[in-house]
Amino acid sequence: MALPITSLPIPQSTVRYLSSRNVVYLSDLLKTLPWLDSYNEESVILQMEELNLPEVHRRLLTDFLINHLHQTAFQAPQIGKKLVPIITFSSSLDSLLCGGIFPNEIVEFLGEPGSGTSQLCMQLAVDCSIPEMFGGRACKSLLIDCNGDTCNIRLNQMAKATLTHLNLIARSAEEKDITSKLTVDELLSKVYTARCTNYTQLIALINTVRTVKTAIMVR
């Protein structure tokens, strides 16, 4: 299985750097490293140092290879499965983000009031519920609202639009069967919201987010 570098747990700046040098798949990177059959941490560090890469990218790739590719050559399909991005439904934005929002990343969206940043966050929360068969994560999400911008009516509209889109792109009998059973309520049942009205509440939520994430199994 050819694993795209866009599905690896590395920053998008590193992905763009590798793409600019025609490294599209993980195999393209591993071809430059002859230690595939005799892996050890020291050889990874030494050989990565020999590559002509900026220090920041070299360090990040070294950490990735050591932490994620040290068992076989190298459980790539499993890694890719875990790193399915959360799409934004904006083709230009998904393209800029190399596929969407990837796990283990922090992405900051900035904009003036009314520019749509809150709408984007709500759409991403709904998109987490998309079944895996349609390229989604099929997972729960936690939407933290600090400004009172979360609107249940708008979330409902987004869920309806998402369901309509899935029905339109369903082709196989299995896909049509899934969409026929999928409901707006089911999509929204995986979206959790938390309202913070001051920084004290926000800090308290951040300090407990690991417990909350485990309890409701959000991504």
C-alpha atoms as a PDB file:
ATOM      1  CA  MET A   1       0.000   0.000   0.000  1.00  0.00           C
ATOM      2  CA  ALA A   2       1.411   3.381  -1.018  1.00  0.00           C
ATOM      3  CA  LEU A   3       1.097   5.650   2.010  1.00  0.00           C
ATOM      4  CA  PRO A   4       0.922   9.372   1.137  1.00  0.00           C
ATOM      5  CA  ILE A   5       3.128  11.599   3.243  1.00  0.00           C
ATOM      6  CA  THR A   6       0.028  13.758   3.827  1.00  0.00           C
ATOM      7  CA  SER A   7      -1.251  11.026   6.171  1.00  0.00           C
ATOM      8  CA  LEU A   8       1.857  11.003   8.349  1.00  0.00           C
ATOM      9  CA  PRO A   9       1.849  12.681  11.793  1.00  0.00           C
ATOM     10  CA  ILE A  10       4.211  15.447  10.716  1.00  0.00           C
ATOM     11  CA  PRO A  11       3.506  19.190  10.316  1.00  0.00           C
ATOM     12  CA  GLN A  12       2.132  20.392   7.004  1.00  0.00           C
ATOM     13  CA  SER A  13       5.182  22.624   6.564  1.00  0.00           C
ATOM     14  CA  THR A  14       7.315  19.466   6.436  1.00  0.00           C
ATOM     15  CA  VAL A  15       4.815  17.812   4.080  1.00  0.00           C
ATOM     16  CA  ARG A  16       5.012  20.787   1.719  1.00  0.00           C
ATOM     17  CA  TYR A  17       8.802  20.781   1.902  1.00  0.00           C
ATOM     18  CA  LEU A  18       8.954  17.081   0.982  1.00  0.00           C
ATOM     19  CA  SER A  19       6.344  17.490  -1.770  1.00  0.00           C
ATOM     20  CA  SER A  20       8.408  20.257  -3.341  1.00  0.00           C
ATOM     21  CA  ARG A  21      11.204  17.690  -3.637  1.00  0.00           C
ATOM     22  CA  ASN A  22       8.992  15.045  -5.261  1.00  0.00           C
ATOM     23  CA  VAL A  23       8.576  13.015  -2.083  1.00  0.00           C
ATOM     24  CA  VAL A  24       4.912  12.049  -2.368  1.00  0.00           C
ATOM     25  CA  TYR A  25       4.769   8.715  -0.574  1.00  0.00           C
ATOM     26  CA  LEU A  26       6.463   7.304   2.492  1.00  0.00           C
ATOM     27  CA  SER A  27       8.231   4.845   0.208  1.00  0.00           C
ATOM     28  CA  ASP A  28       9.869   7.772  -1.634  1.00  0.00           C
ATOM     29  CA  LEU A  29      11.496   8.830   1.622  1.00  0.00           C
ATOM     30  CA  LEU A  30      12.449   5.309   2.701  1.00  0.00           C
ATOM     31  CA  LYS A  31      14.179   4.653  -0.641  1.00  0.00           C
ATOM     32  CA  THR A  32      16.865   7.099   0.431  1.00  0.00           C
ATOM     33  CA  LEU A  33      17.472   5.178   3.655  1.00  0.00           C
ATOM     34  CA  PRO A  34      19.127   1.723   3.338  1.00  0.00           C
ATOM     35  CA  TRP A  35      18.458   0.594   6.931  1.00  0.00           C
ATOM     36  CA  LEU A  36      14.977  -0.805   6.333  1.00  0.00           C
ATOM     37  CA  ASP A  37      16.009  -4.387   7.117  1.00  0.00           C
ATOM     38  CA  SER A  38      18.325  -3.539   9.974  1.00  0.00           C
ATOM     39  CA  TYR A  39      16.519  -0.900  11.960  1.00  0.00           C
ATOM     40  CA  ASN A  40      17.968   0.646  15.065  1.00  0.00           C
ATOM     41  CA  GLU A  41      17.545   4.101  16.534  1.00  0.00           C
ATOM     42  CA  GLU A  42      21.185   5.122  16.149  1.00  0.00           C
ATOM     43  CA  SER A  43      21.269   4.326  12.429  1.00  0.00           C
ATOM     44  CA  VAL A  44      18.075   6.340  11.863  1.00  0.00           C
ATOM     45  CA  ILE A  45      19.614   9.401  13.515  1.00  0.00           C
ATOM     46  CA  LEU A  46      22.920   9.060  11.677  1.00  0.00           C
ATOM     47  CA  GLN A  47      21.403   8.536   8.253  1.00  0.00           C
ATOM     48  CA  MET A  48      18.830  11.288   8.660  1.00  0.00           C
ATOM     49  CA  GLU A  49      21.708  13.637   9.496  1.00  0.00           C
ATOM     50  CA  GLU A  50      23.290  12.759   6.158  1.00  0.00           C
ATOM     51  CA  LEU A  51      20.221  13.893   4.223  1.00  0.00           C
ATOM     52  CA  ASN A  52      20.263  17.407   2.874  1.00  0.00           C
ATOM     53  CA  LEU A  53      17.270  18.628   4.868  1.00  0.00           C
ATOM     54  CA  PRO A  54      16.729  21.750   6.964  1.00  0.00           C
ATOM     55  CA  GLU A  55      17.277  20.955  10.623  1.00  0.00           C
ATOM     56  CA  VAL A  56      13.661  21.449  11.690  1.00  0.00           C
ATOM     57  CA  HIS A  57      12.330  19.013   9.052  1.00  0.00           C
ATOM     58  CA  ARG A  58      15.109  16.510   9.664  1.00  0.00           C
ATOM     59  CA  ARG A  59      14.418  16.491  13.397  1.00  0.00           C
ATOM     60  CA  LEU A  60      10.667  16.037  12.942  1.00  0.00           C
ATOM     61  CA  LEU A  61      11.113  13.223  10.431  1.00  0.00           C
ATOM     62  CA  THR A  62      13.665  11.517  12.667  1.00  0.00           C
ATOM     63  CA  ASP A  63      11.257  11.609  15.598  1.00  0.00           C
ATOM     64  CA  PHE A  64       8.486  10.232  13.407  1.00  0.00           C
ATOM     65  CA  LEU A  65      10.585   7.354  12.076  1.00  0.00           C
ATOM     66  CA  ILE A  66      11.817   6.418  15.530  1.00  0.00           C
ATOM     67  CA  ASN A  67       8.414   6.596  17.184  1.00  0.00           C
ATOM     68  CA  HIS A  68       6.228   5.110  14.470  1.00  0.00           C
ATOM     69  CA  LEU A  69       8.266   2.964  12.108  1.00  0.00           C
ATOM     70  CA  HIS A  70      10.368   0.755  14.343  1.00  0.00           C
ATOM     71  CA  GLN A  71       8.579  -2.597  14.124  1.00  0.00           C
ATOM     72  CA  THR A  72       8.319  -3.744  10.503  1.00  0.00           C
ATOM     73  CA  ALA A  73       8.382  -2.047   7.174  1.00  0.00           C
ATOM     74  CA  PHE A  74       6.535  -0.505   8.847  1.00  0.00           C
ATOM     75  CA  GLN A  75       2.898  -1.000   9.625  1.00  0.00           C
ATOM     76  CA  ALA A  76       2.231   1.775   7.127  1.00  0.00           C
ATOM     77  CA  PRO A  77      -1.367   0.774   6.324  1.00  0.00           C
ATOM     78  CA  GLN A  78      -2.269   0.888  10.021  1.00  0.00           C
ATOM     79  CA  ILE A  79      -0.627   4.288  10.432  1.00  0.00           C
ATOM     80  CA  GLY A  80      -2.497   5.656   7.438  1.00  0.00           C
ATOM     81  CA  LYS A  81      -5.803   4.348   8.720  1.00  0.00           C
ATOM     82  CA  LYS A  82      -5.343   6.200  11.986  1.00  0.00           C
ATOM     83  CA  LEU A  83      -4.507   9.428  10.205  1.00  0.00           C
ATOM     84  CA  VAL A  84      -7.537   9.994   8.016  1.00  0.00           C
ATOM     85  CA  PRO A  85      -8.007  13.784   7.929  1.00  0.00           C
ATOM     86  CA  ILE A  86     -11.153  15.641   8.880  1.00  0.00           C
ATOM     87  CA  ILE A  87     -12.298  17.342   5.676  1.00  0.00           C
ATOM     88  CA  THR A  88     -13.595  20.912   5.692  1.00  0.00           C
ATOM     89  CA  PHE A  89     -15.849  20.630   2.601  1.00  0.00           C
ATOM     90  CA  SER A  90     -13.886  23.522   1.109  1.00  0.00           C
ATOM     91  CA  SER A  91     -11.800  22.134  -1.753  1.00  0.00           C
ATOM     92  CA  SER A  92      -9.372  25.065  -1.688  1.00  0.00           C
ATOM     93  CA  LEU A  93      -8.924  24.858   2.086  1.00  0.00           C
ATOM     94  CA  ASP A  94      -8.556  21.064   2.056  1.00  0.00           C
ATOM     95  CA  SER A  95      -5.957  21.420  -0.688  1.00  0.00           C
ATOM     96  CA  LEU A  96      -4.060  24.028   1.327  1.00  0.00           C
ATOM     97  CA  LEU A  97      -4.126  21.726   4.367  1.00  0.00           C
ATOM     98  CA  CYS A  98      -2.998  18.712   2.283  1.00  0.00           C
ATOM     99  CA  GLY A  99      -6.302  16.902   2.717  1.00  0.00           C
ATOM    100  CA  GLY A 100      -7.890  18.440   5.784  1.00  0.00           C
ATOM    101  CA  ILE A 101      -7.265  18.616   9.517  1.00  0.00           C
ATOM    102  CA  PHE A 102      -5.025  15.742  10.617  1.00  0.00           C
ATOM    103  CA  PRO A 103      -4.910  14.119  14.058  1.00  0.00           C
ATOM    104  CA  ASN A 104      -2.258  15.308  16.513  1.00  0.00           C
ATOM    105  CA  GLU A 105      -2.124  18.741  14.930  1.00  0.00           C
ATOM    106  CA  ILE A 106      -3.137  22.168  16.188  1.00  0.00           C
ATOM    107  CA  VAL A 107      -4.539  24.346  13.401  1.00  0.00           C
ATOM    108  CA  GLU A 108      -5.446  27.969  14.118  1.00  0.00           C
ATOM    109  CA  PHE A 109      -7.973  29.794  11.947  1.00  0.00           C
ATOM    110  CA  LEU A 110      -8.004  33.568  12.266  1.00  0.00           C
ATOM    111  CA  GLY A 111     -10.596  35.959  10.909  1.00  0.00           C
ATOM    112  CA  GLU A 112     -12.582  39.086  11.568  1.00  0.00           C
ATOM    113  CA  PRO A 113     -16.015  38.736  13.226  1.00  0.00           C
ATOM    114  CA  GLY A 114     -18.425  37.365  10.653  1.00  0.00           C
ATOM    115  CA  SER A 115     -15.682  35.851   8.467  1.00  0.00           C
ATOM    116  CA  GLY A 116     -16.898  32.303   9.105  1.00  0.00           C
ATOM    117  CA  THR A 117     -14.354  30.859  11.544  1.00  0.00           C
ATOM    118  CA  SER A 118     -17.081  29.718  13.960  1.00  0.00           C
ATOM    119  CA  GLN A 119     -19.031  28.216  11.050  1.00  0.00           C
ATOM    120  CA  LEU A 120     -15.916  26.323   9.978  1.00  0.00           C
ATOM    121  CA  CYS A 121     -15.431  24.881  13.471  1.00  0.00           C
ATOM    122  CA  MET A 122     -19.054  23.735  13.588  1.00  0.00           C
ATOM    123  CA  GLN A 123     -18.728  22.173  10.137  1.00  0.00           C
ATOM    124  CA  LEU A 124     -15.588  20.304  11.227  1.00  0.00           C
ATOM    125  CA  ALA A 125     -17.421  19.002  14.292  1.00  0.00           C
ATOM    126  CA  VAL A 126     -20.198  17.622  12.074  1.00  0.00           C
ATOM    127  CA  ASP A 127     -17.680  16.253   9.574  1.00  0.00           C
ATOM    128  CA  CYS A 128     -16.117  14.097  12.294  1.00  0.00           C
ATOM    129  CA  SER A 129     -19.329  12.022  12.201  1.00  0.00           C
ATOM    130  CA  ILE A 130     -18.994  11.096   8.512  1.00  0.00           C
ATOM    131  CA  PRO A 131     -18.734   7.286   8.102  1.00  0.00           C
ATOM    132  CA  GLU A 132     -15.325   5.854   7.264  1.00  0.00           C
ATOM    133  CA  MET A 133     -16.623   4.428   3.987  1.00  0.00           C
ATOM    134  CA  PHE A 134     -17.033   8.014   2.740  1.00  0.00           C
ATOM    135  CA  GLY A 135     -13.561   9.042   3.847  1.00  0.00           C
ATOM    136  CA  GLY A 136     -14.666  10.317   7.241  1.00  0.00           C
ATOM    137  CA  ARG A 137     -13.513   9.599  10.777  1.00  0.00           C
ATOM    138  CA  ALA A 138     -16.792   8.187  12.160  1.00  0.00           C
ATOM    139  CA  CYS A 139     -15.887   9.638  15.542  1.00  0.00           C
ATOM    140  CA  LYS A 140     -17.169  12.024  18.184  1.00  0.00           C
ATOM    141  CA  SER A 141     -16.097  15.642  18.547  1.00  0.00           C
ATOM    142  CA  LEU A 142     -15.975  18.231  21.306  1.00  0.00           C
ATOM    143  CA  LEU A 143     -16.750  21.822  20.320  1.00  0.00           C
ATOM    144  CA  ILE A 144     -15.626  24.382  22.907  1.00  0.00           C
ATOM    145  CA  ASP A 145     -17.585  27.630  22.575  1.00  0.00           C
ATOM    146  CA  CYS A 146     -16.066  30.712  24.231  1.00  0.00           C
ATOM    147  CA  ASN A 147     -18.109  33.413  22.468  1.00  0.00           C
ATOM    148  CA  GLY A 148     -21.597  31.976  22.387  1.00  0.00           C
ATOM    149  CA  ASP A 149     -21.344  31.454  18.630  1.00  0.00           C
ATOM    150  CA  THR A 150     -22.450  27.827  18.563  1.00  0.00           C
ATOM    151  CA  CYS A 151     -25.940  27.639  17.109  1.00  0.00           C
ATOM    152  CA  ASN A 152     -27.896  24.383  17.355  1.00  0.00           C
ATOM    153  CA  ILE A 153     -30.068  25.421  14.414  1.00  0.00           C
ATOM    154  CA  ARG A 154     -26.981  25.952  12.262  1.00  0.00           C
ATOM    155  CA  LEU A 155     -25.491  22.641  13.377  1.00  0.00           C
ATOM    156  CA  ASN A 156     -28.731  20.947  12.359  1.00  0.00           C
ATOM    157  CA  GLN A 157     -28.610  22.623   8.943  1.00  0.00           C
ATOM    158  CA  MET A 158     -25.008  21.505   8.459  1.00  0.00           C
ATOM    159  CA  ALA A 159     -25.865  17.932   9.425  1.00  0.00           C
ATOM    160  CA  LYS A 160     -28.753  17.916   6.923  1.00  0.00           C
ATOM    161  CA  ALA A 161     -26.470  19.269   4.177  1.00  0.00           C
ATOM    162  CA  THR A 162     -23.834  16.663   5.031  1.00  0.00           C
ATOM    163  CA  LEU A 163     -26.386  13.861   4.853  1.00  0.00           C
ATOM    164  CA  THR A 164     -27.677  15.162   1.517  1.00  0.00           C
ATOM    165  CA  HIS A 165     -24.132  15.238   0.162  1.00  0.00           C
ATOM    166  CA  LEU A 166     -23.461  11.671   1.301  1.00  0.00           C
ATOM    167  CA  ASN A 167     -26.644  10.490  -0.417  1.00  0.00           C
ATOM    168  CA  LEU A 168     -25.548  12.191  -3.636  1.00  0.00           C
ATOM    169  CA  ILE A 169     -22.085  10.589  -3.692  1.00  0.00           C
ATOM    170  CA  ALA A 170     -23.216   7.113  -2.589  1.00  0.00           C
ATOM    171  CA  ARG A 171     -22.642   4.720  -5.479  1.00  0.00           C
ATOM    172  CA  SER A 172     -22.315   1.142  -4.282  1.00  0.00           C
ATOM    173  CA  ALA A 173     -25.145  -0.817  -2.682  1.00  0.00           C
ATOM    174  CA  GLU A 174     -23.276  -0.813   0.626  1.00  0.00           C
ATOM    175  CA  GLU A 175     -22.830   2.969   0.565  1.00  0.00           C
ATOM    176  CA  LYS A 176     -26.503   3.505  -0.255  1.00  0.00           C
ATOM    177  CA  ASP A 177     -27.475   1.157   2.552  1.00  0.00           C
ATOM    178  CA  ILE A 178     -25.405   3.175   5.043  1.00  0.00           C
ATOM    179  CA  THR A 179     -26.838   6.517   3.951  1.00  0.00           C
ATOM    180  CA  SER A 180     -30.399   5.155   3.996  1.00  0.00           C
ATOM    181  CA  LYS A 181     -29.998   4.336   7.689  1.00  0.00           C
ATOM    182  CA  LEU A 182     -28.012   7.431   8.640  1.00  0.00           C
ATOM    183  CA  THR A 183     -29.988  10.269  10.186  1.00  0.00           C
ATOM    184  CA  VAL A 184     -29.344  13.870  11.156  1.00  0.00           C
ATOM    185  CA  ASP A 185     -29.868  12.975  14.803  1.00  0.00           C
ATOM    186  CA  GLU A 186     -27.236  10.246  14.552  1.00  0.00           C
ATOM    187  CA  LEU A 187     -24.696  12.661  13.073  1.00  0.00           C
ATOM    188  CA  LEU A 188     -25.396  15.269  15.751  1.00  0.00           C
ATOM    189  CA  SER A 189     -25.353  12.707  18.566  1.00  0.00           C
ATOM    190  CA  LYS A 190     -21.571  12.555  18.111  1.00  0.00           C
ATOM    191  CA  VAL A 191     -21.113  16.321  18.457  1.00  0.00           C
ATOM    192  CA  TYR A 192     -20.525  17.463  22.048  1.00  0.00           C
ATOM    193  CA  THR A 193     -20.425  21.126  23.032  1.00  0.00           C
ATOM    194  CA  ALA A 194     -18.992  22.925  26.049  1.00  0.00           C
ATOM    195  CA  ARG A 195     -19.646  26.580  26.867  1.00  0.00           C
ATOM    196  CA  CYS A 196     -16.968  28.627  28.622  1.00  0.00           C
ATOM    197  CA  THR A 197     -17.874  32.161  29.678  1.00  0.00           C
ATOM    198  CA  ASN A 198     -14.552  33.137  31.267  1.00  0.00           C
ATOM    199  CA  TYR A 199     -10.910  32.145  31.293  1.00  0.00           C
ATOM    200  CA  THR A 200     -11.269  30.240  34.573  1.00  0.00           C
ATOM    201  CA  GLN A 201     -13.806  27.881  33.022  1.00  0.00           C
ATOM    202  CA  LEU A 202     -11.636  27.501  29.930  1.00  0.00           C
ATOM    203  CA  ILE A 203      -8.536  26.616  31.959  1.00  0.00           C
ATOM    204  CA  ALA A 204     -10.570  24.133  34.009  1.00  0.00           C
ATOM    205  CA  LEU A 205     -11.870  22.499  30.826  1.00  0.00           C
ATOM    206  CA  ILE A 206      -8.397  22.328  29.287  1.00  0.00           C
ATOM    207  CA  ASN A 207      -7.055  20.709  32.453  1.00  0.00           C
ATOM    208  CA  THR A 208      -9.742  18.030  32.280  1.00  0.00           C
ATOM    209  CA  VAL A 209      -9.914  17.603  28.509  1.00  0.00           C
ATOM    210  CA  ARG A 210      -7.878  14.394  28.584  1.00  0.00           C
ATOM    211  CA  THR A 211     -10.417  12.827  30.944  1.00  0.00           C
ATOM    212  CA  VAL A 212     -13.311  14.170  28.890  1.00  0.00           C
ATOM    213  CA  LYS A 213     -11.748  12.890  25.674  1.00  0.00           C
ATOM    214  CA  THR A 214     -11.344   9.412  27.112  1.00  0.00           C
ATOM    215  CA  ALA A 215     -14.833   9.357  28.615  1.00  0.00           C
ATOM    216  CA  ILE A 216     -16.711  10.217  25.414  1.00  0.00           C
ATOM    217  CA  MET A 217     -14.026   8.974  22.975  1.00  0.00           C
ATOM    218  CA  VAL A 218     -13.680  12.176  20.983  1.00  0.00           C
ATOM    219  CA  ARG A 219     -10.968  12.889  18.431  1.00  0.00           C
END
